[in-house]
PDB file of N, CA and C in Angstrom:
ATOM      1  N   MET A   1     -86.558   0.528  65.435  1.00  0.00           N
ATOM      2  CA  MET A   1     -87.956   0.390  65.068  1.00  0.00           C
ATOM      3  C   MET A   1     -88.037  -0.609  63.915  1.00  0.00           C
ATOM      4  N   SER A   2     -88.974  -1.537  64.004  1.00  0.00           N
ATOM      5  CA  SER A   2     -89.084  -2.571  62.970  1.00  0.00           C
ATOM      6  C   SER A   2     -89.692  -1.989  61.691  1.00  0.00           C
ATOM      7  N   GLU A   3     -89.518  -2.717  60.599  1.00  0.00           N
ATOM      8  CA  GLU A   3     -90.069  -2.280  59.317  1.00  0.00           C
ATOM      9  C   GLU A   3     -91.596  -2.185  59.388  1.00  0.00           C
ATOM     10  N   GLU A   4     -92.214  -3.143  60.064  1.00  0.00           N
ATOM     11  CA  GLU A   4     -93.674  -3.127  60.200  1.00  0.00           C
ATOM     12  C   GLU A   4     -94.141  -1.902  60.980  1.00  0.00           C
ATOM     13  N   GLU A   5     -93.401  -1.546  62.030  1.00  0.00           N
ATOM     14  CA  GLU A   5     -93.757  -0.368  62.824  1.00  0.00           C
ATOM     15  C   GLU A   5     -93.594   0.911  62.007  1.00  0.00           C
ATOM     16  N   LEU A   6     -92.544   0.968  61.179  1.00  0.00           N
ATOM     17  CA  LEU A   6     -92.345   2.137  60.328  1.00  0.00           C
ATOM     18  C   LEU A   6     -93.479   2.274  59.311  1.00  0.00           C
ATOM     19  N   ILE A   7     -93.897   1.153  58.742  1.00  0.00           N
ATOM     20  CA  ILE A   7     -94.998   1.192  57.777  1.00  0.00           C
ATOM     21  C   ILE A   7     -96.283   1.650  58.467  1.00  0.00           C
ATOM     22  N   ALA A   8     -96.535   1.134  59.667  1.00  0.00           N
ATOM     23  CA  ALA A   8     -97.727   1.540  60.420  1.00  0.00           C
ATOM     24  C   ALA A   8     -97.678   3.037  60.728  1.00  0.00           C
ATOM     25  N   LEU A   9     -96.517   3.541  61.114  1.00  0.00           N
ATOM     26  CA  LEU A   9     -96.366   4.962  61.408  1.00  0.00           C
ATOM     27  C   LEU A   9     -96.579   5.798  60.147  1.00  0.00           C
ATOM     28  N   PHE A  10     -96.010   5.338  59.038  1.00  0.00           N
ATOM     29  CA  PHE A  10     -96.178   6.049  57.773  1.00  0.00           C
ATOM     30  C   PHE A  10     -97.656   6.131  57.395  1.00  0.00           C
ATOM     31  N   MET A  11     -98.348   5.002  57.502  1.00  0.00           N
ATOM     32  CA  MET A  11     -99.771   4.982  57.159  1.00  0.00           C
ATOM     33  C   MET A  11    -100.562   5.908  58.081  1.00  0.00           C
ATOM     34  N   GLY A  12    -100.215   5.899  59.361  1.00  0.00           N
ATOM     35  CA  GLY A  12    -100.875   6.795  60.302  1.00  0.00           C
ATOM     36  C   GLY A  12    -100.631   8.249  59.957  1.00  0.00           C
ATOM     37  N   GLN A  13     -99.395   8.564  59.573  1.00  0.00           N
ATOM     38  CA  GLN A  13     -99.051   9.932  59.196  1.00  0.00           C
ATOM     39  C   GLN A  13     -99.877  10.371  57.991  1.00  0.00           C
ATOM     40  N   LYS A  14    -100.003   9.517  57.011  1.00  0.00           N
ATOM     41  CA  LYS A  14    -100.779   9.855  55.816  1.00  0.00           C
ATOM     42  C   LYS A  14    -102.265  10.013  56.148  1.00  0.00           C
ATOM     43  N   LEU A  15    -102.784   9.124  56.965  1.00  0.00           N
ATOM     44  CA  LEU A  15    -104.198   9.215  57.320  1.00  0.00           C
ATOM     45  C   LEU A  15    -104.481  10.434  58.193  1.00  0.00           C
ATOM     46  N   LEU A  16    -103.533  10.794  59.056  1.00  0.00           N
ATOM     47  CA  LEU A  16    -103.724  11.977  59.897  1.00  0.00           C
ATOM     48  C   LEU A  16    -103.745  13.257  59.074  1.00  0.00           C
ATOM     49  N   SER A  17    -103.172  13.203  57.874  1.00  0.00           N
ATOM     50  CA  SER A  17    -103.185  14.398  57.035  1.00  0.00           C
ATOM     51  C   SER A  17    -104.609  14.805  56.659  1.00  0.00           C
ATOM     52  N   GLN A  18    -105.576  13.905  56.853  1.00  0.00           N
ATOM     53  CA  GLN A  18    -106.977  14.259  56.614  1.00  0.00           C
ATOM     54  C   GLN A  18    -107.425  15.415  57.505  1.00  0.00           C
ATOM     55  N   PHE A  19    -106.754  15.603  58.624  1.00  0.00           N
ATOM     56  CA  PHE A  19    -107.164  16.636  59.566  1.00  0.00           C
ATOM     57  C   PHE A  19    -106.589  18.003  59.233  1.00  0.00           C
ATOM     58  N   MET A  20    -105.734  18.084  58.201  1.00  0.00           N
ATOM     59  CA  MET A  20    -105.181  19.365  57.827  1.00  0.00           C
ATOM     60  C   MET A  20    -106.311  20.254  57.311  1.00  0.00           C
ATOM     61  N   GLY A  21    -106.348  21.464  57.803  1.00  0.00           N
ATOM     62  CA  GLY A  21    -107.399  22.386  57.419  1.00  0.00           C
ATOM     63  C   GLY A  21    -108.657  22.264  58.257  1.00  0.00           C
ATOM     64  N   THR A  22    -108.623  21.424  59.292  1.00  0.00           N
ATOM     65  CA  THR A  22    -109.774  21.279  60.183  1.00  0.00           C
ATOM     66  C   THR A  22    -109.424  21.881  61.536  1.00  0.00           C
ATOM     67  N   PRO A  23    -110.397  22.031  62.412  1.00  0.00           N
ATOM     68  CA  PRO A  23    -110.095  22.553  63.746  1.00  0.00           C
ATOM     69  C   PRO A  23    -109.137  21.663  64.541  1.00  0.00           C
ATOM     70  N   PHE A  24    -108.954  20.407  64.119  1.00  0.00           N
ATOM     71  CA  PHE A  24    -108.074  19.485  64.833  1.00  0.00           C
ATOM     72  C   PHE A  24    -106.635  19.520  64.323  1.00  0.00           C
ATOM     73  N   GLU A  25    -106.363  20.336  63.308  1.00  0.00           N
ATOM     74  CA  GLU A  25    -105.049  20.328  62.665  1.00  0.00           C
ATOM     75  C   GLU A  25    -103.910  20.547  63.658  1.00  0.00           C
ATOM     76  N   ARG A  26    -104.010  21.542  64.511  1.00  0.00           N
ATOM     77  CA  ARG A  26    -102.919  21.863  65.433  1.00  0.00           C
ATOM     78  C   ARG A  26    -102.636  20.699  66.376  1.00  0.00           C
ATOM     79  N   LYS A  27    -103.681  20.086  66.920  1.00  0.00           N
ATOM     80  CA  LYS A  27    -103.493  18.967  67.846  1.00  0.00           C
ATOM     81  C   LYS A  27    -102.855  17.773  67.145  1.00  0.00           C
ATOM     82  N   VAL A  28    -103.311  17.488  65.936  1.00  0.00           N
ATOM     83  CA  VAL A  28    -102.755  16.364  65.178  1.00  0.00           C
ATOM     84  C   VAL A  28    -101.298  16.639  64.827  1.00  0.00           C
ATOM     85  N   ARG A  29    -101.002  17.856  64.390  1.00  0.00           N
ATOM     86  CA  ARG A  29     -99.629  18.221  64.025  1.00  0.00           C
ATOM     87  C   ARG A  29     -98.714  18.097  65.243  1.00  0.00           C
ATOM     88  N   ASN A  30     -99.150  18.578  66.408  1.00  0.00           N
ATOM     89  CA  ASN A  30     -98.333  18.473  67.626  1.00  0.00           C
ATOM     90  C   ASN A  30     -98.059  17.021  67.988  1.00  0.00           C
ATOM     91  N   ALA A  31     -99.078  16.171  67.917  1.00  0.00           N
ATOM     92  CA  ALA A  31     -98.896  14.752  68.241  1.00  0.00           C
ATOM     93  C   ALA A  31     -97.933  14.100  67.263  1.00  0.00           C
ATOM     94  N   LEU A  32     -98.094  14.386  65.985  1.00  0.00           N
ATOM     95  CA  LEU A  32     -97.222  13.792  64.973  1.00  0.00           C
ATOM     96  C   LEU A  32     -95.782  14.269  65.144  1.00  0.00           C
ATOM     97  N   ASP A  33     -95.593  15.549  65.431  1.00  0.00           N
ATOM     98  CA  ASP A  33     -94.241  16.073  65.659  1.00  0.00           C
ATOM     99  C   ASP A  33     -93.573  15.382  66.840  1.00  0.00           C
ATOM    100  N   LYS A  34     -94.319  15.121  67.908  1.00  0.00           N
ATOM    101  CA  LYS A  34     -93.761  14.422  69.071  1.00  0.00           C
ATOM    102  C   LYS A  34     -93.331  13.006  68.707  1.00  0.00           C
ATOM    103  N   ILE A  35     -94.178  12.315  67.942  1.00  0.00           N
ATOM    104  CA  ILE A  35     -93.849  10.944  67.535  1.00  0.00           C
ATOM    105  C   ILE A  35     -92.610  10.938  66.651  1.00  0.00           C
ATOM    106  N   LEU A  36     -92.579  11.827  65.663  1.00  0.00           N
ATOM    107  CA  LEU A  36     -91.446  11.856  64.736  1.00  0.00           C
ATOM    108  C   LEU A  36     -90.152  12.261  65.428  1.00  0.00           C
ATOM    109  N   SER A  37     -90.228  13.112  66.445  1.00  0.00           N
ATOM    110  CA  SER A  37     -89.009  13.527  67.147  1.00  0.00           C
ATOM    111  C   SER A  37     -88.406  12.383  67.956  1.00  0.00           C
ATOM    112  N   ALA A  38     -89.200  11.365  68.268  1.00  0.00           N
ATOM    113  CA  ALA A  38     -88.706  10.219  69.038  1.00  0.00           C
ATOM    114  C   ALA A  38     -88.052   9.157  68.156  1.00  0.00           C
ATOM    115  N   ILE A  39     -88.171   9.310  66.842  1.00  0.00           N
ATOM    116  CA  ILE A  39     -87.598   8.323  65.921  1.00  0.00           C
ATOM    117  C   ILE A  39     -86.169   8.733  65.582  1.00  0.00           C
ATOM    118  N   PRO A  40     -85.227   7.787  65.616  1.00  0.00           N
ATOM    119  CA  PRO A  40     -83.860   8.106  65.210  1.00  0.00           C
ATOM    120  C   PRO A  40     -83.833   8.559  63.743  1.00  0.00           C
ATOM    121  N   GLU A  41     -82.811   9.330  63.371  1.00  0.00           N
ATOM    122  CA  GLU A  41     -82.700   9.854  62.008  1.00  0.00           C
ATOM    123  C   GLU A  41     -82.790   8.753  60.958  1.00  0.00           C
ATOM    124  N   SER A  42     -82.195   7.602  61.226  1.00  0.00           N
ATOM    125  CA  SER A  42     -82.237   6.508  60.250  1.00  0.00           C
ATOM    126  C   SER A  42     -83.673   6.031  60.046  1.00  0.00           C
ATOM    127  N   GLY A  43     -84.467   6.043  61.103  1.00  0.00           N
ATOM    128  CA  GLY A  43     -85.865   5.640  60.996  1.00  0.00           C
ATOM    129  C   GLY A  43     -86.672   6.617  60.177  1.00  0.00           C
ATOM    130  N   VAL A  44     -86.389   7.921  60.327  1.00  0.00           N
ATOM    131  CA  VAL A  44     -87.090   8.938  59.551  1.00  0.00           C
ATOM    132  C   VAL A  44     -86.757   8.771  58.073  1.00  0.00           C
ATOM    133  N   ALA A  45     -85.479   8.468  57.768  1.00  0.00           N
ATOM    134  CA  ALA A  45     -85.088   8.237  56.378  1.00  0.00           C
ATOM    135  C   ALA A  45     -85.842   7.041  55.812  1.00  0.00           C
ATOM    136  N   ASP A  46     -85.945   5.965  56.606  1.00  0.00           N
ATOM    137  CA  ASP A  46     -86.693   4.785  56.157  1.00  0.00           C
ATOM    138  C   ASP A  46     -88.164   5.131  55.952  1.00  0.00           C
ATOM    139  N   LEU A  47     -88.699   5.944  56.846  1.00  0.00           N
ATOM    140  CA  LEU A  47     -90.103   6.351  56.760  1.00  0.00           C
ATOM    141  C   LEU A  47     -90.344   7.118  55.464  1.00  0.00           C
ATOM    142  N   ASN A  48     -89.429   8.013  55.119  1.00  0.00           N
ATOM    143  CA  ASN A  48     -89.572   8.789  53.890  1.00  0.00           C
ATOM    144  C   ASN A  48     -89.471   7.909  52.648  1.00  0.00           C
ATOM    145  N   SER A  49     -88.661   6.851  52.689  1.00  0.00           N
ATOM    146  CA  SER A  49     -88.516   5.977  51.521  1.00  0.00           C
ATOM    147  C   SER A  49     -89.778   5.157  51.269  1.00  0.00           C
ATOM    148  N   ILE A  50     -90.584   4.951  52.296  1.00  0.00           N
ATOM    149  CA  ILE A  50     -91.830   4.199  52.128  1.00  0.00           C
ATOM    150  C   ILE A  50     -92.778   4.960  51.207  1.00  0.00           C
ATOM    151  N   ASN A  51     -92.637   6.278  51.162  1.00  0.00           N
ATOM    152  CA  ASN A  51     -93.484   7.109  50.310  1.00  0.00           C
ATOM    153  C   ASN A  51     -93.394   6.690  48.848  1.00  0.00           C
ATOM    154  N   ASP A  52     -92.257   6.115  48.444  1.00  0.00           N
ATOM    155  CA  ASP A  52     -92.096   5.644  47.070  1.00  0.00           C
ATOM    156  C   ASP A  52     -92.869   4.355  46.816  1.00  0.00           C
ATOM    157  N   ILE A  53     -93.281   3.670  47.870  1.00  0.00           N
ATOM    158  CA  ILE A  53     -93.913   2.360  47.746  1.00  0.00           C
ATOM    159  C   ILE A  53     -95.428   2.431  47.927  1.00  0.00           C
ATOM    160  N   VAL A  54     -95.897   3.265  48.869  1.00  0.00           N
ATOM    161  CA  VAL A  54     -97.316   3.318  49.223  1.00  0.00           C
ATOM    162  C   VAL A  54     -97.820   4.749  49.090  1.00  0.00           C
ATOM    163  N   SER A  55     -99.038   4.903  48.568  1.00  0.00           N
ATOM    164  CA  SER A  55     -99.639   6.238  48.533  1.00  0.00           C
ATOM    165  C   SER A  55    -101.130   6.128  48.840  1.00  0.00           C
ATOM    166  N   PHE A  56    -101.715   7.251  49.231  1.00  0.00           N
ATOM    167  CA  PHE A  56    -103.133   7.319  49.564  1.00  0.00           C
ATOM    168  C   PHE A  56    -103.782   8.403  48.723  1.00  0.00           C
ATOM    169  N   ASP A  57    -105.056   8.244  48.449  1.00  0.00           N
ATOM    170  CA  ASP A  57    -105.810   9.251  47.710  1.00  0.00           C
ATOM    171  C   ASP A  57    -106.611  10.085  48.705  1.00  0.00           C
ATOM    172  N   ILE A  58    -105.918  10.965  49.399  1.00  0.00           N
ATOM    173  CA  ILE A  58    -106.558  11.858  50.359  1.00  0.00           C
ATOM    174  C   ILE A  58    -106.594  13.229  49.711  1.00  0.00           C
ATOM    175  N   ARG A  59    -107.769  13.677  49.397  1.00  0.00           N
ATOM    176  CA  ARG A  59    -107.918  14.909  48.638  1.00  0.00           C
ATOM    177  C   ARG A  59    -107.877  16.128  49.559  1.00  0.00           C
ATOM    178  N   PRO A  60    -107.333  17.236  49.041  1.00  0.00           N
ATOM    179  CA  PRO A  60    -107.298  18.458  49.854  1.00  0.00           C
ATOM    180  C   PRO A  60    -108.701  19.029  50.046  1.00  0.00           C
ATOM    181  N   LEU A  61    -108.826  19.865  51.056  1.00  0.00           N
ATOM    182  CA  LEU A  61    -110.085  20.538  51.348  1.00  0.00           C
ATOM    183  C   LEU A  61    -110.546  21.299  50.112  1.00  0.00           C
ATOM    184  N   ARG A  62    -111.837  21.194  49.771  1.00  0.00           N
ATOM    185  CA  ARG A  62    -112.347  21.918  48.608  1.00  0.00           C
ATOM    186  C   ARG A  62    -113.452  22.879  49.040  1.00  0.00           C
ATOM    187  N   GLY A  63    -113.633  23.909  48.247  1.00  0.00           N
ATOM    188  CA  GLY A  63    -114.621  24.930  48.577  1.00  0.00           C
ATOM    189  C   GLY A  63    -113.957  26.084  49.308  1.00  0.00           C
ATOM    190  N   ASP A  64    -114.761  27.057  49.692  1.00  0.00           N
ATOM    191  CA  ASP A  64    -114.264  28.211  50.438  1.00  0.00           C
ATOM    192  C   ASP A  64    -113.801  27.720  51.807  1.00  0.00           C
ATOM    193  N   GLU A  65    -112.491  27.753  52.040  1.00  0.00           N
ATOM    194  CA  GLU A  65    -111.917  27.157  53.248  1.00  0.00           C
ATOM    195  C   GLU A  65    -112.538  27.704  54.525  1.00  0.00           C
ATOM    196  N   GLU A  66    -112.701  29.011  54.608  1.00  0.00           N
ATOM    197  CA  GLU A  66    -113.255  29.607  55.830  1.00  0.00           C
ATOM    198  C   GLU A  66    -114.690  29.123  56.075  1.00  0.00           C
ATOM    199  N   ARG A  67    -115.468  29.054  55.021  1.00  0.00           N
ATOM    200  CA  ARG A  67    -116.857  28.596  55.148  1.00  0.00           C
ATOM    201  C   ARG A  67    -116.914  27.117  55.536  1.00  0.00           C
ATOM    202  N   VAL A  68    -116.082  26.299  54.891  1.00  0.00           N
ATOM    203  CA  VAL A  68    -116.059  24.866  55.199  1.00  0.00           C
ATOM    204  C   VAL A  68    -115.652  24.645  56.651  1.00  0.00           C
ATOM    205  N   LEU A  69    -114.597  25.341  57.100  1.00  0.00           N
ATOM    206  CA  LEU A  69    -114.129  25.168  58.476  1.00  0.00           C
ATOM    207  C   LEU A  69    -115.159  25.667  59.486  1.00  0.00           C
ATOM    208  N   ASN A  70    -115.854  26.747  59.162  1.00  0.00           N
ATOM    209  CA  ASN A  70    -116.910  27.246  60.045  1.00  0.00           C
ATOM    210  C   ASN A  70    -118.029  26.211  60.167  1.00  0.00           C
ATOM    211  N   ASN A  71    -118.455  25.659  59.032  1.00  0.00           N
ATOM    212  CA  ASN A  71    -119.506  24.630  59.059  1.00  0.00           C
ATOM    213  C   ASN A  71    -119.039  23.391  59.810  1.00  0.00           C
ATOM    214  N   TYR A  72    -117.798  22.993  59.575  1.00  0.00           N
ATOM    215  CA  TYR A  72    -117.228  21.823  60.252  1.00  0.00           C
ATOM    216  C   TYR A  72    -117.248  22.033  61.769  1.00  0.00           C
ATOM    217  N   SER A  73    -116.798  23.204  62.202  1.00  0.00           N
ATOM    218  CA  SER A  73    -116.753  23.503  63.641  1.00  0.00           C
ATOM    219  C   SER A  73    -118.148  23.507  64.254  1.00  0.00           C
ATOM    220  N   ARG A  74    -119.099  24.118  63.563  1.00  0.00           N
ATOM    221  CA  ARG A  74    -120.474  24.172  64.071  1.00  0.00           C
ATOM    222  C   ARG A  74    -121.087  22.781  64.164  1.00  0.00           C
ATOM    223  N   LEU A  75    -120.859  21.961  63.143  1.00  0.00           N
ATOM    224  CA  LEU A  75    -121.414  20.605  63.164  1.00  0.00           C
ATOM    225  C   LEU A  75    -120.741  19.752  64.232  1.00  0.00           C
ATOM    226  N   ALA A  76    -119.417  19.877  64.367  1.00  0.00           N
ATOM    227  CA  ALA A  76    -118.703  19.110  65.397  1.00  0.00           C
ATOM    228  C   ALA A  76    -119.210  19.490  66.786  1.00  0.00           C
ATOM    229  N   ALA A  77    -119.433  20.785  67.018  1.00  0.00           N
ATOM    230  CA  ALA A  77    -119.953  21.232  68.315  1.00  0.00           C
ATOM    231  C   ALA A  77    -121.369  20.700  68.544  1.00  0.00           C
ATOM    232  N   ALA A  78    -122.184  20.693  67.498  1.00  0.00           N
ATOM    233  CA  ALA A  78    -123.554  20.182  67.628  1.00  0.00           C
ATOM    234  C   ALA A  78    -123.548  18.689  67.943  1.00  0.00           C
ATOM    235  N   ILE A  79    -122.649  17.954  67.329  1.00  0.00           N
ATOM    236  CA  ILE A  79    -122.541  16.517  67.602  1.00  0.00           C
ATOM    237  C   ILE A  79    -122.131  16.300  69.051  1.00  0.00           C
ATOM    238  N   GLU A  80    -121.117  17.033  69.480  1.00  0.00           N
ATOM    239  CA  GLU A  80    -120.613  16.882  70.850  1.00  0.00           C
ATOM    240  C   GLU A  80    -121.688  17.215  71.885  1.00  0.00           C
ATOM    241  N   LYS A  81    -122.481  18.259  71.606  1.00  0.00           N
ATOM    242  CA  LYS A  81    -123.502  18.704  72.561  1.00  0.00           C
ATOM    243  C   LYS A  81    -124.873  18.085  72.298  1.00  0.00           C
ATOM    244  N   ARG A  82    -124.932  17.218  71.289  1.00  0.00           N
ATOM    245  CA  ARG A  82    -126.189  16.553  70.906  1.00  0.00           C
ATOM    246  C   ARG A  82    -127.302  17.574  70.628  1.00  0.00           C
ATOM    247  N   LYS A  83    -126.965  18.548  69.791  1.00  0.00           N
ATOM    248  CA  LYS A  83    -127.903  19.612  69.427  1.00  0.00           C
ATOM    249  C   LYS A  83    -128.351  19.454  67.976  1.00  0.00           C
ATOM    250  N   LYS A  84    -129.580  19.865  67.704  1.00  0.00           N
ATOM    251  CA  LYS A  84    -130.079  19.908  66.328  1.00  0.00           C
ATOM    252  C   LYS A  84    -129.470  21.116  65.626  1.00  0.00           C
ATOM    253  N   VAL A  85    -129.351  21.012  64.305  1.00  0.00           N
ATOM    254  CA  VAL A  85    -128.892  22.148  63.500  1.00  0.00           C
ATOM    255  C   VAL A  85    -129.858  22.345  62.332  1.00  0.00           C
ATOM    256  N   TRP A  86    -129.989  23.594  61.908  1.00  0.00           N
ATOM    257  CA  TRP A  86    -130.829  23.938  60.777  1.00  0.00           C
ATOM    258  C   TRP A  86    -129.937  23.953  59.547  1.00  0.00           C
ATOM    259  N   LEU A  87    -130.292  23.168  58.530  1.00  0.00           N
ATOM    260  CA  LEU A  87    -129.493  23.081  57.309  1.00  0.00           C
ATOM    261  C   LEU A  87    -130.277  23.570  56.103  1.00  0.00           C
ATOM    262  N   ARG A  88    -129.563  24.197  55.210  1.00  0.00           N
ATOM    263  CA  ARG A  88    -130.078  24.506  53.875  1.00  0.00           C
ATOM    264  C   ARG A  88    -129.170  23.738  52.926  1.00  0.00           C
ATOM    265  N   TYR A  89    -129.759  22.917  52.072  1.00  0.00           N
ATOM    266  CA  TYR A  89    -128.956  22.067  51.201  1.00  0.00           C
ATOM    267  C   TYR A  89    -129.631  21.898  49.846  1.00  0.00           C
ATOM    268  N   TYR A  90    -128.825  21.563  48.866  1.00  0.00           N
ATOM    269  CA  TYR A  90    -129.328  21.313  47.520  1.00  0.00           C
ATOM    270  C   TYR A  90    -129.577  19.824  47.348  1.00  0.00           C
ATOM    271  N   SER A  91    -130.756  19.478  46.861  1.00  0.00           N
ATOM    272  CA  SER A  91    -131.112  18.088  46.575  1.00  0.00           C
ATOM    273  C   SER A  91    -131.029  17.868  45.067  1.00  0.00           C
ATOM    274  N   ALA A  92    -130.090  17.039  44.643  1.00  0.00           N
ATOM    275  CA  ALA A  92    -129.939  16.762  43.218  1.00  0.00           C
ATOM    276  C   ALA A  92    -131.145  16.008  42.671  1.00  0.00           C
ATOM    277  N   SER A  93    -131.743  15.145  43.483  1.00  0.00           N
ATOM    278  CA  SER A  93    -132.871  14.340  42.992  1.00  0.00           C
ATOM    279  C   SER A  93    -134.100  15.188  42.667  1.00  0.00           C
ATOM    280  N   SER A  94    -134.331  16.247  43.444  1.00  0.00           N
ATOM    281  CA  SER A  94    -135.493  17.107  43.179  1.00  0.00           C
ATOM    282  C   SER A  94    -135.093  18.427  42.525  1.00  0.00           C
ATOM    283  N   ASP A  95    -133.787  18.658  42.401  1.00  0.00           N
ATOM    284  CA  ASP A  95    -133.257  19.903  41.840  1.00  0.00           C
ATOM    285  C   ASP A  95    -133.809  21.117  42.584  1.00  0.00           C
ATOM    286  N   GLU A  96    -133.861  20.985  43.923  1.00  0.00           N
ATOM    287  CA  GLU A  96    -134.384  22.059  44.767  1.00  0.00           C
ATOM    288  C   GLU A  96    -133.466  22.291  45.963  1.00  0.00           C
ATOM    289  N   VAL A  97    -133.564  23.499  46.495  1.00  0.00           N
ATOM    290  CA  VAL A  97    -132.899  23.806  47.756  1.00  0.00           C
ATOM    291  C   VAL A  97    -133.915  23.538  48.860  1.00  0.00           C
ATOM    292  N   ASN A  98    -133.524  22.753  49.836  1.00  0.00           N
ATOM    293  CA  ASN A  98    -134.403  22.393  50.952  1.00  0.00           C
ATOM    294  C   ASN A  98    -133.818  22.899  52.262  1.00  0.00           C
ATOM    295  N   GLU A  99    -134.670  23.022  53.265  1.00  0.00           N
ATOM    296  CA  GLU A  99    -134.246  23.407  54.610  1.00  0.00           C
ATOM    297  C   GLU A  99    -134.918  22.492  55.609  1.00  0.00           C
ATOM    298  N   ARG A 100    -134.182  22.165  56.668  1.00  0.00           N
ATOM    299  CA  ARG A 100    -134.767  21.338  57.734  1.00  0.00           C
ATOM    300  C   ARG A 100    -133.808  21.261  58.916  1.00  0.00           C
ATOM    301  N   TYR A 101    -134.364  20.865  60.062  1.00  0.00           N
ATOM    302  CA  TYR A 101    -133.549  20.551  61.226  1.00  0.00           C
ATOM    303  C   TYR A 101    -133.044  19.120  61.090  1.00  0.00           C
ATOM    304  N   VAL A 102    -131.805  18.906  61.494  1.00  0.00           N
ATOM    305  CA  VAL A 102    -131.237  17.555  61.504  1.00  0.00           C
ATOM    306  C   VAL A 102    -130.514  17.334  62.824  1.00  0.00           C
ATOM    307  N   ASP A 103    -130.358  16.080  63.185  1.00  0.00           N
ATOM    308  CA  ASP A 103    -129.568  15.675  64.342  1.00  0.00           C
ATOM    309  C   ASP A 103    -128.267  15.074  63.822  1.00  0.00           C
ATOM    310  N   PRO A 104    -127.181  15.849  63.790  1.00  0.00           N
ATOM    311  CA  PRO A 104    -125.929  15.286  63.263  1.00  0.00           C
ATOM    312  C   PRO A 104    -125.320  14.290  64.257  1.00  0.00           C
ATOM    313  N   TYR A 105    -124.838  13.170  63.731  1.00  0.00           N
ATOM    314  CA  TYR A 105    -124.237  12.128  64.566  1.00  0.00           C
ATOM    315  C   TYR A 105    -122.752  11.930  64.290  1.00  0.00           C
ATOM    316  N   HIS A 106    -122.327  12.251  63.073  1.00  0.00           N
ATOM    317  CA  HIS A 106    -120.965  11.907  62.674  1.00  0.00           C
ATOM    318  C   HIS A 106    -120.567  12.791  61.494  1.00  0.00           C
ATOM    319  N   LEU A 107    -119.303  13.185  61.446  1.00  0.00           N
ATOM    320  CA  LEU A 107    -118.777  13.915  60.294  1.00  0.00           C
ATOM    321  C   LEU A 107    -117.831  12.993  59.535  1.00  0.00           C
ATOM    322  N   ARG A 108    -117.947  12.984  58.227  1.00  0.00           N
ATOM    323  CA  ARG A 108    -117.064  12.163  57.398  1.00  0.00           C
ATOM    324  C   ARG A 108    -116.376  13.057  56.386  1.00  0.00           C
ATOM    325  N   TYR A 109    -115.055  12.974  56.354  1.00  0.00           N
ATOM    326  CA  TYR A 109    -114.263  13.681  55.358  1.00  0.00           C
ATOM    327  C   TYR A 109    -114.227  12.798  54.117  1.00  0.00           C
ATOM    328  N   HIS A 110    -114.790  13.280  53.002  1.00  0.00           N
ATOM    329  CA  HIS A 110    -114.874  12.470  51.790  1.00  0.00           C
ATOM    330  C   HIS A 110    -114.568  13.332  50.576  1.00  0.00           C
ATOM    331  N   GLN A 111    -113.542  12.972  49.842  1.00  0.00           N
ATOM    332  CA  GLN A 111    -113.149  13.651  48.612  1.00  0.00           C
ATOM    333  C   GLN A 111    -113.010  15.159  48.801  1.00  0.00           C
ATOM    334  N   GLY A 112    -112.392  15.548  49.888  1.00  0.00           N
ATOM    335  CA  GLY A 112    -112.099  16.954  50.125  1.00  0.00           C
ATOM    336  C   GLY A 112    -113.205  17.759  50.761  1.00  0.00           C
ATOM    337  N   ALA A 113    -114.269  17.089  51.200  1.00  0.00           N
ATOM    338  CA  ALA A 113    -115.365  17.835  51.834  1.00  0.00           C
ATOM    339  C   ALA A 113    -115.896  17.064  53.024  1.00  0.00           C
TER     340      ALA A 113
END
């Protein structure tokens, strides 16, 4: 495996870690394990040494894990089925709790949430 391919794999491995703690964790872990099992031992050693050179700021899941994962699953299902969801949220600009129906289109993992 070339050095460029190892770097690409390393970066993919780090980026896939975003799925840890989500409903996709098991599928991502299985795929990554299959890829890593196909790499010769020397390649895995090279892959681990790249960790000293490159790092990512991927924050761990924050908040009550069970609640976050439940909300994540419900929103992902609503996106897939193109369904509206009722949200209660805090608005910092008005310092109020608001409620409304929304049409979710995309989920973004940002700073642990």
